[in-house]
Amino acid sequence: MNPSILIVEDEQAMRLLLREFLEILGYNVIVAEQGQEAIDISRTAPVDLAFLDLNLPDMNGLELMQRLRAGGAVFPFVVLSANLRESFSGDVTPLGVREILEKPVDLDVLESVVKKILSTAAGDAAA
């Protein structure tokens, strides 16, 4: 079964670009426009990796990651940010952040990040 990737992005053009690109690569893609929608999806759908925009209409990306983790989500996150300098202060790896990518996202970089994270996660699951 192909890995499932959750995209949490309120900007329609970015959401569509990511979805189409990841589907071409063969992944199952689930999309959410808001944080609460992502939380609801994570309770019912298998998710192997999530792309999160930092600025969502109903909550920020950090709050979303904390709420997903509190709800039992164990999948890794890739954060999408229009301004990396404003992304985070402090270490966010305990929340499951594996990469932070600046918008606009380079699709070659995105592909390599997805493959690296999913292969690492598969290796961890097999151990």
C-alpha atoms as a PDB file:
ATOM      1  CA  MET A   1       0.000   0.000   0.000  1.00  0.00           C
ATOM      2  CA  ASN A   2       1.329   3.456  -0.871  1.00  0.00           C
ATOM      3  CA  PRO A   3       2.091   5.851   1.979  1.00  0.00           C
ATOM      4  CA  SER A   4      -0.516   8.474   2.853  1.00  0.00           C
ATOM      5  CA  ILE A   5       0.476  12.112   3.088  1.00  0.00           C
ATOM      6  CA  LEU A   6      -1.650  14.746   4.786  1.00  0.00           C
ATOM      7  CA  ILE A   7      -1.353  18.299   3.463  1.00  0.00           C
ATOM      8  CA  VAL A   8      -2.596  21.031   5.808  1.00  0.00           C
ATOM      9  CA  GLU A   9      -2.500  24.236   3.795  1.00  0.00           C
ATOM     10  CA  ASP A  10      -5.036  27.044   3.545  1.00  0.00           C
ATOM     11  CA  GLU A  11      -3.637  28.482   0.312  1.00  0.00           C
ATOM     12  CA  GLN A  12      -5.505  26.744  -2.504  1.00  0.00           C
ATOM     13  CA  ALA A  13      -2.797  27.063  -5.175  1.00  0.00           C
ATOM     14  CA  MET A  14      -0.134  25.565  -2.881  1.00  0.00           C
ATOM     15  CA  ARG A  15      -2.492  22.828  -1.732  1.00  0.00           C
ATOM     16  CA  LEU A  16      -3.290  21.832  -5.317  1.00  0.00           C
ATOM     17  CA  LEU A  17       0.356  21.934  -6.407  1.00  0.00           C
ATOM     18  CA  LEU A  18       1.458  19.709  -3.542  1.00  0.00           C
ATOM     19  CA  ARG A  19      -1.445  17.327  -4.010  1.00  0.00           C
ATOM     20  CA  GLU A  20      -0.928  16.893  -7.746  1.00  0.00           C
ATOM     21  CA  PHE A  21       2.835  16.489  -7.427  1.00  0.00           C
ATOM     22  CA  LEU A  22       2.624  13.924  -4.624  1.00  0.00           C
ATOM     23  CA  GLU A  23      -0.111  11.982  -6.408  1.00  0.00           C
ATOM     24  CA  ILE A  24       2.061  11.823  -9.562  1.00  0.00           C
ATOM     25  CA  LEU A  25       4.788  10.332  -7.359  1.00  0.00           C
ATOM     26  CA  GLY A  26       2.309   7.641  -6.314  1.00  0.00           C
ATOM     27  CA  TYR A  27       1.355   8.723  -2.811  1.00  0.00           C
ATOM     28  CA  ASN A  28      -2.154   8.754  -1.368  1.00  0.00           C
ATOM     29  CA  VAL A  29      -2.879  12.381  -0.535  1.00  0.00           C
ATOM     30  CA  ILE A  30      -5.375  13.784   1.943  1.00  0.00           C
ATOM     31  CA  VAL A  31      -5.888  17.545   2.201  1.00  0.00           C
ATOM     32  CA  ALA A  32      -7.141  19.866   4.899  1.00  0.00           C
ATOM     33  CA  GLU A  33      -7.541  23.631   4.814  1.00  0.00           C
ATOM     34  CA  GLN A  34      -7.619  24.165   8.576  1.00  0.00           C
ATOM     35  CA  GLY A  35      -6.078  22.694  11.694  1.00  0.00           C
ATOM     36  CA  GLN A  36      -9.251  21.232  13.168  1.00  0.00           C
ATOM     37  CA  GLU A  37      -9.986  19.493   9.878  1.00  0.00           C
ATOM     38  CA  ALA A  38      -6.500  17.923  10.034  1.00  0.00           C
ATOM     39  CA  ILE A  39      -7.108  16.740  13.588  1.00  0.00           C
ATOM     40  CA  ASP A  40     -10.396  15.136  12.523  1.00  0.00           C
ATOM     41  CA  ILE A  41      -8.729  13.442   9.539  1.00  0.00           C
ATOM     42  CA  SER A  42      -5.882  12.092  11.670  1.00  0.00           C
ATOM     43  CA  ARG A  43      -8.413  10.300  13.874  1.00  0.00           C
ATOM     44  CA  THR A  44      -9.927   8.343  10.986  1.00  0.00           C
ATOM     45  CA  ALA A  45      -7.376   8.052   8.184  1.00  0.00           C
ATOM     46  CA  PRO A  46      -3.931   6.470   8.208  1.00  0.00           C
ATOM     47  CA  VAL A  47      -1.262   9.152   7.835  1.00  0.00           C
ATOM     48  CA  ASP A  48       2.430   8.437   7.244  1.00  0.00           C
ATOM     49  CA  LEU A  49       3.642  12.028   6.848  1.00  0.00           C
ATOM     50  CA  ALA A  50       2.096  15.497   7.142  1.00  0.00           C
ATOM     51  CA  PHE A  51       2.951  18.794   5.483  1.00  0.00           C
ATOM     52  CA  LEU A  52       1.839  21.689   7.683  1.00  0.00           C
ATOM     53  CA  ASP A  53       1.547  25.358   6.864  1.00  0.00           C
ATOM     54  CA  LEU A  54       2.445  27.487   9.861  1.00  0.00           C
ATOM     55  CA  ASN A  55      -0.280  30.053   9.345  1.00  0.00           C
ATOM     56  CA  LEU A  56      -3.708  28.459   9.274  1.00  0.00           C
ATOM     57  CA  PRO A  57      -7.009  30.288   9.739  1.00  0.00           C
ATOM     58  CA  ASP A  58      -7.975  28.507  12.964  1.00  0.00           C
ATOM     59  CA  MET A  59      -4.610  27.841  14.660  1.00  0.00           C
ATOM     60  CA  ASN A  60      -0.885  28.073  14.064  1.00  0.00           C
ATOM     61  CA  GLY A  61       1.193  25.112  12.980  1.00  0.00           C
ATOM     62  CA  LEU A  62       2.903  24.713  16.346  1.00  0.00           C
ATOM     63  CA  GLU A  63      -0.440  24.458  18.140  1.00  0.00           C
ATOM     64  CA  LEU A  64      -1.661  21.984  15.518  1.00  0.00           C
ATOM     65  CA  MET A  65       1.377  19.737  16.004  1.00  0.00           C
ATOM     66  CA  GLN A  66       0.925  19.827  19.776  1.00  0.00           C
ATOM     67  CA  ARG A  67      -2.761  18.920  19.476  1.00  0.00           C
ATOM     68  CA  LEU A  68      -2.050  16.118  16.983  1.00  0.00           C
ATOM     69  CA  ARG A  69       0.619  14.650  19.279  1.00  0.00           C
ATOM     70  CA  ALA A  70      -1.693  14.943  22.298  1.00  0.00           C
ATOM     71  CA  GLY A  71      -4.317  13.035  20.282  1.00  0.00           C
ATOM     72  CA  GLY A  72      -1.914  10.169  19.652  1.00  0.00           C
ATOM     73  CA  ALA A  73      -0.576  11.039  16.185  1.00  0.00           C
ATOM     74  CA  VAL A  74       2.908   9.602  15.658  1.00  0.00           C
ATOM     75  CA  PHE A  75       3.621  10.552  12.041  1.00  0.00           C
ATOM     76  CA  PRO A  76       6.443  12.986  11.152  1.00  0.00           C
ATOM     77  CA  PHE A  77       5.880  16.578  10.037  1.00  0.00           C
ATOM     78  CA  VAL A  78       7.340  18.773   7.325  1.00  0.00           C
ATOM     79  CA  VAL A  79       6.658  22.425   8.064  1.00  0.00           C
ATOM     80  CA  LEU A  80       5.970  24.840   5.207  1.00  0.00           C
ATOM     81  CA  SER A  81       6.808  28.467   5.869  1.00  0.00           C
ATOM     82  CA  ALA A  82       6.833  31.632   3.814  1.00  0.00           C
ATOM     83  CA  ASN A  83       9.484  33.045   6.138  1.00  0.00           C
ATOM     84  CA  LEU A  84      11.913  30.634   7.776  1.00  0.00           C
ATOM     85  CA  ARG A  85      13.250  33.289  10.138  1.00  0.00           C
ATOM     86  CA  GLU A  86       9.822  33.565  11.738  1.00  0.00           C
ATOM     87  CA  SER A  87       9.174  29.818  11.814  1.00  0.00           C
ATOM     88  CA  PHE A  88      10.098  28.700  15.301  1.00  0.00           C
ATOM     89  CA  SER A  89      12.208  29.500  18.247  1.00  0.00           C
ATOM     90  CA  GLY A  90      13.603  26.497  20.034  1.00  0.00           C
ATOM     91  CA  ASP A  91      13.799  22.828  19.187  1.00  0.00           C
ATOM     92  CA  VAL A  92      10.702  21.404  17.496  1.00  0.00           C
ATOM     93  CA  THR A  93      12.047  17.913  16.812  1.00  0.00           C
ATOM     94  CA  PRO A  94      10.275  16.507  19.914  1.00  0.00           C
ATOM     95  CA  LEU A  95       7.018  17.412  18.152  1.00  0.00           C
ATOM     96  CA  GLY A  96       8.015  15.311  15.158  1.00  0.00           C
ATOM     97  CA  VAL A  97       9.301  18.011  12.804  1.00  0.00           C
ATOM     98  CA  ARG A  98      11.740  16.415  10.376  1.00  0.00           C
ATOM     99  CA  GLU A  99      12.167  19.289   7.912  1.00  0.00           C
ATOM    100  CA  ILE A 100      11.208  22.930   7.479  1.00  0.00           C
ATOM    101  CA  LEU A 101      10.795  24.032   3.868  1.00  0.00           C
ATOM    102  CA  GLU A 102      10.487  27.589   2.670  1.00  0.00           C
ATOM    103  CA  LYS A 103       7.742  28.583   0.252  1.00  0.00           C
ATOM    104  CA  PRO A 104       7.740  28.506  -2.674  1.00  0.00           C
ATOM    105  CA  VAL A 105       8.775  24.884  -2.362  1.00  0.00           C
ATOM    106  CA  ASP A 106      11.335  23.440  -4.763  1.00  0.00           C
ATOM    107  CA  LEU A 107       9.673  20.234  -6.013  1.00  0.00           C
ATOM    108  CA  ASP A 108      12.958  18.344  -6.373  1.00  0.00           C
ATOM    109  CA  VAL A 109      13.790  19.142  -2.749  1.00  0.00           C
ATOM    110  CA  LEU A 110      10.279  18.184  -1.693  1.00  0.00           C
ATOM    111  CA  GLU A 111      10.558  14.819  -3.433  1.00  0.00           C
ATOM    112  CA  SER A 112      13.886  14.002  -1.801  1.00  0.00           C
ATOM    113  CA  VAL A 113      12.607  15.062   1.634  1.00  0.00           C
ATOM    114  CA  VAL A 114       9.527  12.846   1.310  1.00  0.00           C
ATOM    115  CA  LYS A 115      11.571   9.837   0.209  1.00  0.00           C
ATOM    116  CA  LYS A 116      14.123  10.343   2.993  1.00  0.00           C
ATOM    117  CA  ILE A 117      11.511  10.708   5.729  1.00  0.00           C
ATOM    118  CA  LEU A 118       9.356   7.810   4.577  1.00  0.00           C
ATOM    119  CA  SER A 119      12.333   5.475   4.139  1.00  0.00           C
ATOM    120  CA  THR A 120      13.561   6.385   7.635  1.00  0.00           C
ATOM    121  CA  ALA A 121      10.072   5.819   9.054  1.00  0.00           C
ATOM    122  CA  ALA A 122       9.838   2.445   7.278  1.00  0.00           C
ATOM    123  CA  GLY A 123      13.218   1.469   8.717  1.00  0.00           C
ATOM    124  CA  ASP A 124      12.119   2.492  12.212  1.00  0.00           C
ATOM    125  CA  ALA A 125       8.911   0.452  11.877  1.00  0.00           C
ATOM    126  CA  ALA A 126      10.839  -2.634  10.750  1.00  0.00           C
ATOM    127  CA  ALA A 127      13.246  -2.439  13.704  1.00  0.00           C
END
